C-alpha cells in the first residue's frame, strides 16, 4: 500500500506511541506543576490520540508479524515486544478511559496516581521500542533476504578495499553468508590461482 509492505508500514506507524504518549505525560506533569488547565487539556487530547495511534501501531505489527520472515530467536523477541506493547497501551487506555469518565480532569487525590502510572507507562514504551529495535538491528527482521545478502557483500567488498588502502596485504576472500558462488568462480580467488601457477 503506497509503496509500503507490512514491515515498513509498521515501522512508520510505530512512532506514534513513543511520541504521543510521553508527550501526554509531559503536558500533564507541566500542567500539574504550573497549575495550567490548558496544559492538562493538551495532555488529555494527546493521550487520547496516543492510545488511538498505539492501537493502529499494534494492528500493523500483528499484520507485519505474519507477513515478515523471521527465525526462532527473533520470534521470541517479537513475542516479548508484542506483550510489552499490549501492557503499555492497556495502561494508557485505562488512563484515557479514567480521564474520559472524569471529563478530562483528575481530582487532587487521583492526579499523583495517574501521573505515576503515566511515568511507568513511558518506561514500558521505551522498553517495548528497545525490543522492536533489536528485531531490526540485531536480527534483520523486515529486511528482505536479497537486500540483506547484497548489504553483506557490499560490506565485505568495502572492508577489503579499506584494508588495501591502509597498506596491508589483501586479505583472503571471506565467504559471504548466502553466497553460492564457488571459490574458483570468484574473481579474487581465480587471480590468486593464476599467480600461484
N, C-alpha and C. Protein backbone atom coordinates (compact mmCIF):
# COMPACT_ATOMS: atom_id res chain seq x y z
N UNK A 1 0.84 -1.18 0.00
CA UNK A 1 0.00 0.00 0.00
C UNK A 1 0.88 1.24 0.00
N UNK A 2 0.74 2.11 -1.02
CA UNK A 2 1.53 3.33 -1.17
C UNK A 2 3.03 3.04 -1.11
N UNK A 3 3.46 1.90 -1.63
CA UNK A 3 4.87 1.55 -1.62
C UNK A 3 5.36 0.95 -0.32
N UNK A 4 4.46 0.69 0.62
CA UNK A 4 4.82 0.12 1.91
C UNK A 4 4.43 -1.35 1.95
N UNK A 5 5.36 -2.20 2.38
CA UNK A 5 4.96 -3.57 2.72
C UNK A 5 4.60 -3.55 4.21
N UNK A 6 4.22 -4.70 4.77
CA UNK A 6 3.72 -4.74 6.15
C UNK A 6 4.78 -4.25 7.14
N UNK A 7 6.03 -4.65 6.96
CA UNK A 7 7.09 -4.25 7.90
C UNK A 7 7.33 -2.75 7.85
N UNK A 8 7.35 -2.19 6.64
CA UNK A 8 7.59 -0.74 6.51
C UNK A 8 6.41 0.07 7.05
N UNK A 9 5.21 -0.44 6.85
CA UNK A 9 4.03 0.25 7.38
C UNK A 9 4.08 0.27 8.91
N UNK A 10 4.45 -0.86 9.51
CA UNK A 10 4.58 -0.89 10.97
C UNK A 10 5.68 0.05 11.44
N UNK A 11 6.79 0.08 10.70
CA UNK A 11 7.89 0.99 11.06
C UNK A 11 7.45 2.45 11.02
N UNK A 12 6.56 2.79 10.10
CA UNK A 12 6.06 4.16 10.01
C UNK A 12 5.08 4.47 11.15
N UNK A 13 4.21 3.51 11.46
CA UNK A 13 3.16 3.75 12.46
C UNK A 13 3.64 3.57 13.89
N UNK A 14 4.71 2.81 14.09
CA UNK A 14 5.12 2.56 15.48
C UNK A 14 5.80 3.76 16.12
N UNK A 15 5.93 4.86 15.40
CA UNK A 15 6.44 6.08 16.01
C UNK A 15 5.36 6.81 16.82
N UNK A 16 4.10 6.47 16.57
CA UNK A 16 3.02 7.18 17.27
C UNK A 16 3.07 6.99 18.79
N UNK A 17 3.16 5.74 19.31
CA UNK A 17 3.19 5.59 20.78
C UNK A 17 4.37 6.28 21.46
N UNK A 18 5.63 6.11 20.98
CA UNK A 18 6.73 6.74 21.71
C UNK A 18 6.78 8.26 21.59
N UNK A 19 5.99 8.82 20.68
CA UNK A 19 5.94 10.28 20.58
C UNK A 19 4.76 10.82 21.39
N UNK A 20 3.57 10.34 21.09
CA UNK A 20 2.36 10.93 21.68
C UNK A 20 2.19 10.61 23.17
N UNK A 21 2.45 9.37 23.57
CA UNK A 21 2.20 9.00 24.97
C UNK A 21 3.13 9.72 25.95
N UNK A 22 4.44 9.76 25.71
CA UNK A 22 5.29 10.55 26.63
C UNK A 22 4.96 12.04 26.63
N UNK A 23 4.58 12.58 25.46
CA UNK A 23 4.23 14.00 25.41
C UNK A 23 2.98 14.27 26.24
N UNK A 24 2.03 13.31 26.23
CA UNK A 24 0.82 13.49 27.04
C UNK A 24 1.17 13.55 28.53
N UNK A 25 2.10 12.69 28.96
CA UNK A 25 2.52 12.71 30.36
C UNK A 25 3.28 14.00 30.67
N UNK A 26 4.11 14.43 29.73
CA UNK A 26 4.86 15.68 29.91
C UNK A 26 3.90 16.87 30.10
N UNK A 27 2.86 16.95 29.24
CA UNK A 27 1.87 18.02 29.38
C UNK A 27 1.16 17.95 30.73
N UNK A 28 0.82 16.73 31.16
CA UNK A 28 0.14 16.56 32.44
C UNK A 28 1.03 16.98 33.61
N UNK A 29 2.30 16.57 33.56
CA UNK A 29 3.23 16.96 34.63
C UNK A 29 3.41 18.47 34.67
N UNK A 30 3.57 19.06 33.50
CA UNK A 30 3.74 20.51 33.41
C UNK A 30 2.48 21.23 33.88
N UNK A 31 1.32 20.72 33.47
CA UNK A 31 0.04 21.31 33.89
C UNK A 31 -0.15 21.23 35.39
N UNK A 32 0.25 20.11 35.99
CA UNK A 32 0.13 19.95 37.44
C UNK A 32 1.09 20.89 38.17
N UNK A 33 2.30 21.02 37.65
CA UNK A 33 3.31 21.86 38.29
C UNK A 33 2.96 23.34 38.17
N UNK A 34 2.52 23.76 36.96
CA UNK A 34 2.21 25.17 36.73
C UNK A 34 0.75 25.52 37.01
N UNK A 35 -0.04 24.47 37.31
CA UNK A 35 -1.47 24.64 37.57
C UNK A 35 -2.17 25.35 36.40
N UNK A 36 -1.89 24.86 35.19
CA UNK A 36 -2.49 25.43 33.98
C UNK A 36 -3.43 24.41 33.37
N UNK A 37 -4.70 24.75 33.27
CA UNK A 37 -5.70 23.84 32.72
C UNK A 37 -5.48 23.59 31.23
N UNK A 38 -4.93 24.58 30.51
CA UNK A 38 -4.69 24.40 29.08
C UNK A 38 -3.68 23.29 28.83
N UNK A 39 -2.64 23.19 29.68
CA UNK A 39 -1.65 22.13 29.54
C UNK A 39 -2.25 20.77 29.88
N UNK A 40 -3.12 20.74 30.89
CA UNK A 40 -3.79 19.48 31.23
C UNK A 40 -4.72 19.03 30.10
N UNK A 41 -5.38 20.00 29.46
CA UNK A 41 -6.24 19.67 28.32
C UNK A 41 -5.41 19.13 27.16
N UNK A 42 -4.24 19.74 26.93
CA UNK A 42 -3.33 19.25 25.88
C UNK A 42 -2.89 17.82 26.20
N UNK A 43 -2.61 17.57 27.49
CA UNK A 43 -2.23 16.22 27.92
C UNK A 43 -3.34 15.22 27.66
N UNK A 44 -4.58 15.63 27.93
CA UNK A 44 -5.72 14.74 27.73
C UNK A 44 -5.88 14.37 26.26
N UNK A 45 -5.89 15.37 25.38
CA UNK A 45 -6.11 15.08 23.96
C UNK A 45 -4.92 14.34 23.34
N UNK A 46 -3.72 14.64 23.79
CA UNK A 46 -2.55 13.90 23.30
C UNK A 46 -2.62 12.45 23.75
N UNK A 47 -3.11 12.23 24.97
CA UNK A 47 -3.28 10.86 25.49
C UNK A 47 -4.29 10.09 24.64
N UNK A 48 -5.42 10.71 24.32
CA UNK A 48 -6.44 10.05 23.51
C UNK A 48 -5.88 9.70 22.12
N UNK A 49 -5.19 10.66 21.50
CA UNK A 49 -4.58 10.40 20.19
C UNK A 49 -3.49 9.34 20.29
N UNK A 50 -2.73 9.36 21.37
CA UNK A 50 -1.66 8.38 21.57
C UNK A 50 -2.19 6.97 21.71
N UNK A 51 -3.29 6.81 22.44
CA UNK A 51 -3.89 5.47 22.60
C UNK A 51 -4.45 4.99 21.25
N UNK A 52 -5.12 5.89 20.53
CA UNK A 52 -5.65 5.51 19.21
C UNK A 52 -4.51 5.14 18.26
N UNK A 53 -3.45 5.96 18.25
CA UNK A 53 -2.29 5.68 17.39
C UNK A 53 -1.59 4.39 17.77
N UNK A 54 -1.57 4.10 19.07
CA UNK A 54 -0.95 2.85 19.55
C UNK A 54 -1.74 1.64 19.07
N UNK A 55 -3.06 1.77 19.08
CA UNK A 55 -3.90 0.68 18.58
C UNK A 55 -3.60 0.39 17.11
N UNK A 56 -3.44 1.44 16.32
CA UNK A 56 -3.12 1.28 14.90
C UNK A 56 -1.72 0.66 14.75
N UNK A 57 -0.77 1.09 15.59
CA UNK A 57 0.60 0.55 15.53
C UNK A 57 0.60 -0.94 15.89
N UNK A 58 -0.18 -1.32 16.90
CA UNK A 58 -0.25 -2.73 17.30
C UNK A 58 -0.87 -3.56 16.18
N UNK A 59 -1.94 -3.07 15.58
CA UNK A 59 -2.58 -3.79 14.48
C UNK A 59 -1.60 -4.00 13.32
N UNK A 60 -0.87 -2.94 12.96
CA UNK A 60 0.09 -3.06 11.86
C UNK A 60 1.21 -4.03 12.23
N UNK A 61 1.58 -4.09 13.52
CA UNK A 61 2.61 -5.02 13.97
C UNK A 61 2.15 -6.46 13.86
N UNK A 62 0.89 -6.72 14.17
CA UNK A 62 0.34 -8.08 14.04
C UNK A 62 0.32 -8.52 12.59
N UNK A 63 -0.03 -7.58 11.70
CA UNK A 63 -0.01 -7.90 10.26
C UNK A 63 1.43 -8.17 9.82
N UNK A 64 2.37 -7.33 10.27
CA UNK A 64 3.78 -7.49 9.89
C UNK A 64 4.36 -8.80 10.41
N UNK A 65 3.93 -9.21 11.61
CA UNK A 65 4.44 -10.47 12.19
C UNK A 65 4.15 -11.65 11.27
N UNK A 66 2.95 -11.70 10.74
CA UNK A 66 2.56 -12.81 9.86
C UNK A 66 3.17 -12.70 8.48
N UNK A 67 3.49 -11.47 8.04
CA UNK A 67 3.95 -11.26 6.66
C UNK A 67 5.48 -11.21 6.53
N UNK A 68 6.19 -11.17 7.67
CA UNK A 68 7.64 -10.97 7.62
C UNK A 68 8.38 -12.23 8.05
N UNK A 69 9.25 -12.76 7.20
CA UNK A 69 10.04 -13.94 7.61
C UNK A 69 10.95 -13.61 8.79
N UNK A 70 11.06 -14.55 9.73
CA UNK A 70 11.94 -14.36 10.88
C UNK A 70 12.27 -15.72 11.49
N UNK A 71 13.38 -15.76 12.23
CA UNK A 71 13.84 -17.01 12.84
C UNK A 71 13.22 -17.23 14.22
N UNK A 72 13.63 -18.33 14.85
CA UNK A 72 13.08 -18.72 16.14
C UNK A 72 13.45 -17.71 17.23
N UNK A 73 14.71 -17.32 17.28
CA UNK A 73 15.15 -16.37 18.30
C UNK A 73 14.44 -15.03 18.13
N UNK A 74 14.34 -14.57 16.88
CA UNK A 74 13.64 -13.31 16.60
C UNK A 74 12.17 -13.42 16.99
N UNK A 75 11.58 -14.59 16.81
CA UNK A 75 10.17 -14.76 17.16
C UNK A 75 9.95 -14.58 18.67
N UNK A 76 10.89 -15.10 19.47
CA UNK A 76 10.80 -14.92 20.92
C UNK A 76 10.85 -13.45 21.31
N UNK A 77 11.76 -12.71 20.68
CA UNK A 77 11.86 -11.27 20.94
C UNK A 77 10.59 -10.57 20.48
N UNK A 78 10.06 -11.01 19.35
CA UNK A 78 8.83 -10.43 18.81
C UNK A 78 7.66 -10.61 19.77
N UNK A 79 7.58 -11.80 20.39
CA UNK A 79 6.50 -12.06 21.34
C UNK A 79 6.63 -11.16 22.57
N UNK A 80 7.87 -10.96 23.05
CA UNK A 80 8.09 -10.06 24.19
C UNK A 80 7.71 -8.63 23.82
N UNK A 81 8.13 -8.20 22.63
CA UNK A 81 7.79 -6.86 22.12
C UNK A 81 6.27 -6.67 22.08
N UNK A 82 5.58 -7.68 21.58
CA UNK A 82 4.12 -7.63 21.46
C UNK A 82 3.46 -7.56 22.84
N UNK A 83 3.91 -8.40 23.76
CA UNK A 83 3.33 -8.42 25.12
C UNK A 83 3.52 -7.08 25.81
N UNK A 84 4.73 -6.53 25.72
CA UNK A 84 5.01 -5.23 26.34
C UNK A 84 4.15 -4.13 25.72
N UNK A 85 3.94 -4.21 24.40
CA UNK A 85 3.09 -3.22 23.73
C UNK A 85 1.67 -3.28 24.26
N UNK A 86 1.14 -4.50 24.44
CA UNK A 86 -0.21 -4.64 24.99
C UNK A 86 -0.30 -4.04 26.40
N UNK A 87 0.70 -4.32 27.22
CA UNK A 87 0.68 -3.82 28.60
C UNK A 87 0.75 -2.29 28.61
N UNK A 88 1.67 -1.72 27.82
CA UNK A 88 1.83 -0.26 27.79
C UNK A 88 0.56 0.42 27.29
N UNK A 89 0.02 -0.08 26.19
CA UNK A 89 -1.19 0.54 25.64
C UNK A 89 -2.37 0.31 26.56
N UNK A 90 -2.43 -0.85 27.21
CA UNK A 90 -3.50 -1.11 28.17
C UNK A 90 -3.47 -0.11 29.32
N UNK A 91 -2.26 0.17 29.84
CA UNK A 91 -2.12 1.13 30.92
C UNK A 91 -2.59 2.52 30.49
N UNK A 92 -2.13 2.96 29.31
CA UNK A 92 -2.53 4.28 28.83
C UNK A 92 -4.02 4.32 28.47
N UNK A 93 -4.57 3.21 28.00
CA UNK A 93 -6.01 3.16 27.69
C UNK A 93 -6.83 3.31 28.98
N UNK A 94 -6.37 2.67 30.07
CA UNK A 94 -7.06 2.83 31.36
C UNK A 94 -7.02 4.29 31.79
N UNK A 95 -5.85 4.93 31.64
CA UNK A 95 -5.74 6.34 31.99
C UNK A 95 -6.68 7.21 31.14
N UNK A 96 -6.78 6.89 29.85
CA UNK A 96 -7.65 7.67 28.95
C UNK A 96 -9.11 7.49 29.33
N UNK A 97 -9.53 6.25 29.61
CA UNK A 97 -10.92 5.99 30.00
C UNK A 97 -11.23 6.67 31.32
N UNK A 98 -10.30 6.55 32.26
CA UNK A 98 -10.45 7.19 33.58
C UNK A 98 -10.65 8.70 33.39
N UNK A 99 -9.86 9.26 32.50
CA UNK A 99 -9.94 10.69 32.25
C UNK A 99 -11.24 11.07 31.55
N UNK A 100 -11.70 10.22 30.63
CA UNK A 100 -12.98 10.47 29.95
C UNK A 100 -14.12 10.48 30.96
N UNK A 101 -14.08 9.52 31.89
CA UNK A 101 -15.12 9.45 32.93
C UNK A 101 -15.09 10.71 33.79
N UNK A 102 -13.88 11.21 34.03
CA UNK A 102 -13.72 12.41 34.86
C UNK A 102 -13.85 13.70 34.04
N UNK A 103 -14.29 13.55 32.79
CA UNK A 103 -14.44 14.70 31.88
C UNK A 103 -13.12 15.46 31.69
N UNK A 104 -12.05 14.70 31.55
CA UNK A 104 -10.75 15.27 31.22
C UNK A 104 -9.92 15.76 32.39
N UNK A 105 -10.47 15.71 33.62
CA UNK A 105 -9.73 16.27 34.76
C UNK A 105 -9.73 15.28 35.92
N UNK A 106 -8.54 15.06 36.51
CA UNK A 106 -8.43 14.25 37.72
C UNK A 106 -8.54 15.16 38.94
N UNK A 107 -9.07 14.62 40.04
CA UNK A 107 -9.07 15.44 41.25
C UNK A 107 -7.68 15.37 41.89
N UNK A 108 -7.49 16.09 42.98
CA UNK A 108 -6.15 16.22 43.58
C UNK A 108 -5.62 14.91 44.13
N UNK A 109 -6.50 14.02 44.58
CA UNK A 109 -6.05 12.73 45.10
C UNK A 109 -5.68 11.77 43.96
N UNK A 110 -6.40 11.87 42.85
CA UNK A 110 -6.16 10.97 41.72
C UNK A 110 -4.94 11.36 40.90
N UNK A 111 -4.67 12.65 40.85
CA UNK A 111 -3.62 13.14 39.96
C UNK A 111 -2.25 12.50 40.21
N UNK A 112 -1.75 12.39 41.46
CA UNK A 112 -0.43 11.76 41.66
C UNK A 112 -0.41 10.30 41.20
N UNK A 113 -1.51 9.58 41.42
CA UNK A 113 -1.57 8.17 40.99
C UNK A 113 -1.51 8.10 39.47
N UNK A 114 -2.29 8.95 38.81
CA UNK A 114 -2.33 8.94 37.34
C UNK A 114 -0.99 9.34 36.75
N UNK A 115 -0.34 10.35 37.32
CA UNK A 115 0.95 10.79 36.80
C UNK A 115 2.02 9.72 37.01
N UNK A 116 1.98 9.05 38.15
CA UNK A 116 2.93 7.96 38.41
C UNK A 116 2.72 6.83 37.40
N UNK A 117 1.45 6.49 37.15
CA UNK A 117 1.15 5.45 36.16
C UNK A 117 1.63 5.87 34.77
N UNK A 118 1.50 7.16 34.46
CA UNK A 118 1.97 7.66 33.17
C UNK A 118 3.47 7.54 33.02
N UNK A 119 4.21 7.85 34.09
CA UNK A 119 5.67 7.73 34.04
C UNK A 119 6.08 6.27 33.88
N UNK A 120 5.39 5.36 34.58
CA UNK A 120 5.66 3.92 34.41
C UNK A 120 5.35 3.51 32.97
N UNK A 121 4.26 4.06 32.43
CA UNK A 121 3.90 3.76 31.04
C UNK A 121 4.97 4.19 30.06
N UNK A 122 5.60 5.35 30.32
CA UNK A 122 6.69 5.80 29.45
C UNK A 122 7.84 4.79 29.47
N UNK A 123 8.16 4.30 30.67
CA UNK A 123 9.21 3.28 30.78
C UNK A 123 8.87 2.04 29.96
N UNK A 124 7.61 1.62 30.02
CA UNK A 124 7.17 0.46 29.24
C UNK A 124 7.30 0.72 27.74
N UNK A 125 6.94 1.92 27.30
CA UNK A 125 7.04 2.28 25.88
C UNK A 125 8.50 2.23 25.43
N UNK A 126 9.40 2.74 26.26
CA UNK A 126 10.83 2.74 25.91
C UNK A 126 11.36 1.31 25.79
N UNK A 127 11.01 0.44 26.74
CA UNK A 127 11.47 -0.95 26.69
C UNK A 127 10.86 -1.68 25.49
N UNK A 128 9.60 -1.40 25.20
CA UNK A 128 8.95 -2.01 24.03
C UNK A 128 9.68 -1.61 22.77
N UNK A 129 10.02 -0.33 22.65
CA UNK A 129 10.75 0.16 21.47
C UNK A 129 12.13 -0.49 21.39
N UNK A 130 12.77 -0.71 22.54
CA UNK A 130 14.09 -1.34 22.55
C UNK A 130 14.02 -2.75 21.94
N UNK A 131 12.99 -3.51 22.32
CA UNK A 131 12.84 -4.86 21.75
C UNK A 131 12.53 -4.79 20.26
N UNK A 132 11.75 -3.81 19.84
CA UNK A 132 11.49 -3.63 18.40
C UNK A 132 12.78 -3.33 17.65
N UNK A 133 13.63 -2.48 18.25
CA UNK A 133 14.92 -2.18 17.63
C UNK A 133 15.81 -3.40 17.51
N UNK A 134 15.79 -4.26 18.54
CA UNK A 134 16.58 -5.50 18.49
C UNK A 134 16.15 -6.37 17.31
N UNK A 135 14.86 -6.41 17.05
CA UNK A 135 14.37 -7.21 15.93
C UNK A 135 14.97 -6.76 14.61
N UNK A 136 15.03 -5.45 14.41
CA UNK A 136 15.54 -4.93 13.14
C UNK A 136 17.06 -4.93 13.11
N UNK A 137 17.69 -4.36 14.14
CA UNK A 137 19.13 -4.13 14.09
C UNK A 137 19.96 -5.35 14.46
N UNK A 138 19.43 -6.25 15.29
CA UNK A 138 20.19 -7.43 15.67
C UNK A 138 19.81 -8.67 14.86
N UNK A 139 18.58 -8.70 14.34
CA UNK A 139 18.11 -9.90 13.63
C UNK A 139 17.67 -9.64 12.20
N UNK A 140 17.71 -8.41 11.75
CA UNK A 140 17.39 -8.10 10.36
C UNK A 140 15.95 -8.36 9.97
N UNK A 141 15.03 -8.40 10.96
CA UNK A 141 13.63 -8.65 10.66
C UNK A 141 13.07 -7.46 9.88
N UNK A 142 12.39 -7.75 8.80
CA UNK A 142 11.82 -6.70 7.95
C UNK A 142 12.70 -6.35 6.78
N UNK A 143 13.94 -6.84 6.77
CA UNK A 143 14.85 -6.59 5.65
C UNK A 143 14.79 -7.81 4.74
N UNK A 144 14.36 -7.63 3.48
CA UNK A 144 14.27 -8.79 2.58
C UNK A 144 15.63 -9.49 2.44
N UNK A 145 15.61 -10.81 2.33
CA UNK A 145 16.84 -11.60 2.26
C UNK A 145 17.78 -11.15 1.13
N UNK A 146 17.29 -10.90 -0.10
CA UNK A 146 18.22 -10.43 -1.14
C UNK A 146 18.90 -9.11 -0.77
N UNK A 147 18.17 -8.19 -0.15
CA UNK A 147 18.76 -6.91 0.26
C UNK A 147 19.81 -7.13 1.34
N UNK A 148 19.54 -8.06 2.26
CA UNK A 148 20.49 -8.37 3.33
C UNK A 148 21.76 -8.99 2.76
N UNK A 149 21.61 -9.92 1.81
CA UNK A 149 22.78 -10.55 1.19
C UNK A 149 23.60 -9.53 0.41
N UNK A 150 22.91 -8.62 -0.29
CA UNK A 150 23.60 -7.58 -1.04
C UNK A 150 24.38 -6.65 -0.10
N UNK A 151 23.77 -6.31 1.04
CA UNK A 151 24.44 -5.45 2.01
C UNK A 151 25.67 -6.14 2.59
N UNK A 152 25.57 -7.45 2.87
CA UNK A 152 26.72 -8.20 3.40
C UNK A 152 27.85 -8.24 2.37
N UNK A 153 27.51 -8.46 1.11
CA UNK A 153 28.52 -8.48 0.04
C UNK A 153 29.18 -7.12 -0.09
N UNK A 154 28.38 -6.06 -0.01
CA UNK A 154 28.89 -4.69 -0.12
C UNK A 154 29.84 -4.38 1.04
N UNK A 155 29.48 -4.82 2.25
CA UNK A 155 30.35 -4.59 3.42
C UNK A 155 31.67 -5.34 3.27
N UNK A 156 31.60 -6.59 2.79
CA UNK A 156 32.82 -7.38 2.61
C UNK A 156 33.73 -6.71 1.59
N UNK A 157 33.17 -6.21 0.49
CA UNK A 157 33.96 -5.53 -0.53
C UNK A 157 34.58 -4.26 0.02
N UNK A 158 33.80 -3.49 0.79
CA UNK A 158 34.31 -2.24 1.38
C UNK A 158 35.42 -2.53 2.38
N UNK A 159 35.28 -3.59 3.17
CA UNK A 159 36.31 -3.93 4.16
C UNK A 159 37.61 -4.33 3.47
N UNK A 160 37.51 -5.08 2.38
CA UNK A 160 38.69 -5.49 1.63
C UNK A 160 39.39 -4.27 1.02
N UNK A 161 38.60 -3.36 0.46
CA UNK A 161 39.16 -2.15 -0.14
C UNK A 161 39.82 -1.27 0.93
N UNK A 162 39.23 -1.20 2.10
CA UNK A 162 39.78 -0.39 3.19
C UNK A 162 41.12 -0.95 3.65
N UNK A 163 41.20 -2.29 3.76
CA UNK A 163 42.48 -2.90 4.15
C UNK A 163 43.55 -2.64 3.10
N UNK A 164 43.17 -2.68 1.83
CA UNK A 164 44.14 -2.42 0.76
C UNK A 164 44.63 -0.98 0.82
N UNK A 165 43.76 -0.03 1.11
CA UNK A 165 44.14 1.37 1.20
C UNK A 165 45.05 1.64 2.39
N UNK A 166 44.88 0.87 3.46
CA UNK A 166 45.72 1.03 4.64
C UNK A 166 47.10 0.44 4.44
N UNK A 167 47.34 -0.16 3.31
CA UNK A 167 48.67 -0.68 3.01
C UNK A 167 48.88 -2.12 3.40
N UNK A 168 47.88 -2.74 3.95
CA UNK A 168 48.01 -4.14 4.34
C UNK A 168 47.86 -5.02 3.12
N UNK A 169 48.34 -6.22 3.27
CA UNK A 169 48.18 -7.19 2.18
C UNK A 169 46.71 -7.52 2.04
N UNK A 170 46.25 -7.70 0.81
CA UNK A 170 44.85 -8.05 0.63
C UNK A 170 44.52 -9.34 1.36
N UNK A 171 43.48 -9.29 2.14
CA UNK A 171 43.07 -10.48 2.89
C UNK A 171 42.40 -11.47 1.96
N UNK A 172 42.47 -12.72 2.37
CA UNK A 172 41.79 -13.76 1.59
C UNK A 172 40.30 -13.47 1.60
N UNK A 173 39.67 -13.76 0.49
CA UNK A 173 38.23 -13.51 0.39
C UNK A 173 37.49 -14.32 1.43
N UNK A 174 36.65 -13.64 2.17
CA UNK A 174 35.84 -14.30 3.19
C UNK A 174 34.50 -14.69 2.58
N UNK A 175 34.02 -15.88 2.88
CA UNK A 175 32.73 -16.25 2.34
C UNK A 175 31.63 -15.36 2.90
N UNK A 176 30.70 -15.00 2.05
CA UNK A 176 29.58 -14.17 2.45
C UNK A 176 28.38 -15.08 2.66
N UNK A 177 27.68 -14.94 3.80
CA UNK A 177 26.51 -15.80 4.02
C UNK A 177 25.54 -15.68 2.86
N UNK A 178 25.10 -16.81 2.38
CA UNK A 178 24.14 -16.83 1.28
C UNK A 178 24.79 -16.79 -0.10
N UNK A 179 26.14 -16.59 -0.15
CA UNK A 179 26.83 -16.55 -1.43
C UNK A 179 27.04 -17.98 -1.91
N UNK A 180 26.45 -18.32 -3.05
CA UNK A 180 26.55 -19.68 -3.57
C UNK A 180 27.62 -19.81 -4.66
N UNK A 181 28.36 -18.71 -4.89
CA UNK A 181 29.42 -18.75 -5.88
C UNK A 181 30.55 -19.64 -5.39
N UNK A 182 31.04 -20.54 -6.24
CA UNK A 182 32.16 -21.41 -5.83
C UNK A 182 33.43 -20.57 -5.75
N UNK A 183 34.38 -20.94 -4.86
CA UNK A 183 35.61 -20.14 -4.71
C UNK A 183 36.34 -19.93 -6.03
N UNK A 184 36.37 -20.95 -6.90
CA UNK A 184 37.10 -20.83 -8.16
C UNK A 184 36.46 -19.81 -9.08
N UNK A 185 35.15 -19.60 -8.93
CA UNK A 185 34.44 -18.67 -9.81
C UNK A 185 34.57 -17.22 -9.35
N UNK A 186 35.07 -17.01 -8.11
CA UNK A 186 35.22 -15.64 -7.62
C UNK A 186 36.44 -15.00 -8.27
N UNK A 187 36.33 -13.73 -8.71
CA UNK A 187 37.45 -13.08 -9.40
C UNK A 187 38.72 -13.04 -8.56
N UNK A 188 38.62 -12.74 -7.27
CA UNK A 188 39.82 -12.63 -6.44
C UNK A 188 40.50 -13.99 -6.27
N UNK A 189 39.71 -15.06 -6.15
CA UNK A 189 40.27 -16.41 -5.99
C UNK A 189 40.90 -16.88 -7.29
N UNK A 190 40.22 -16.60 -8.41
CA UNK A 190 40.76 -17.02 -9.71
C UNK A 190 42.11 -16.33 -9.97
N UNK A 191 42.25 -15.04 -9.64
CA UNK A 191 43.51 -14.33 -9.84
C UNK A 191 44.60 -14.94 -8.96
N UNK A 192 44.28 -15.28 -7.71
CA UNK A 192 45.25 -15.88 -6.82
C UNK A 192 45.72 -17.22 -7.38
N UNK A 193 44.79 -18.00 -7.92
CA UNK A 193 45.17 -19.30 -8.51
C UNK A 193 46.13 -19.12 -9.68
N UNK A 194 45.86 -18.07 -10.52
CA UNK A 194 46.76 -17.80 -11.66
C UNK A 194 48.14 -17.39 -11.19
N UNK A 195 48.21 -16.58 -10.11
CA UNK A 195 49.51 -16.13 -9.59
C UNK A 195 50.33 -17.28 -9.03
N UNK A 196 49.62 -18.25 -8.43
CA UNK A 196 50.33 -19.38 -7.83
C UNK A 196 50.91 -20.31 -8.88
N UNK A 197 50.34 -20.28 -10.10
CA UNK A 197 50.86 -21.16 -11.18
C UNK A 197 52.07 -20.59 -11.73
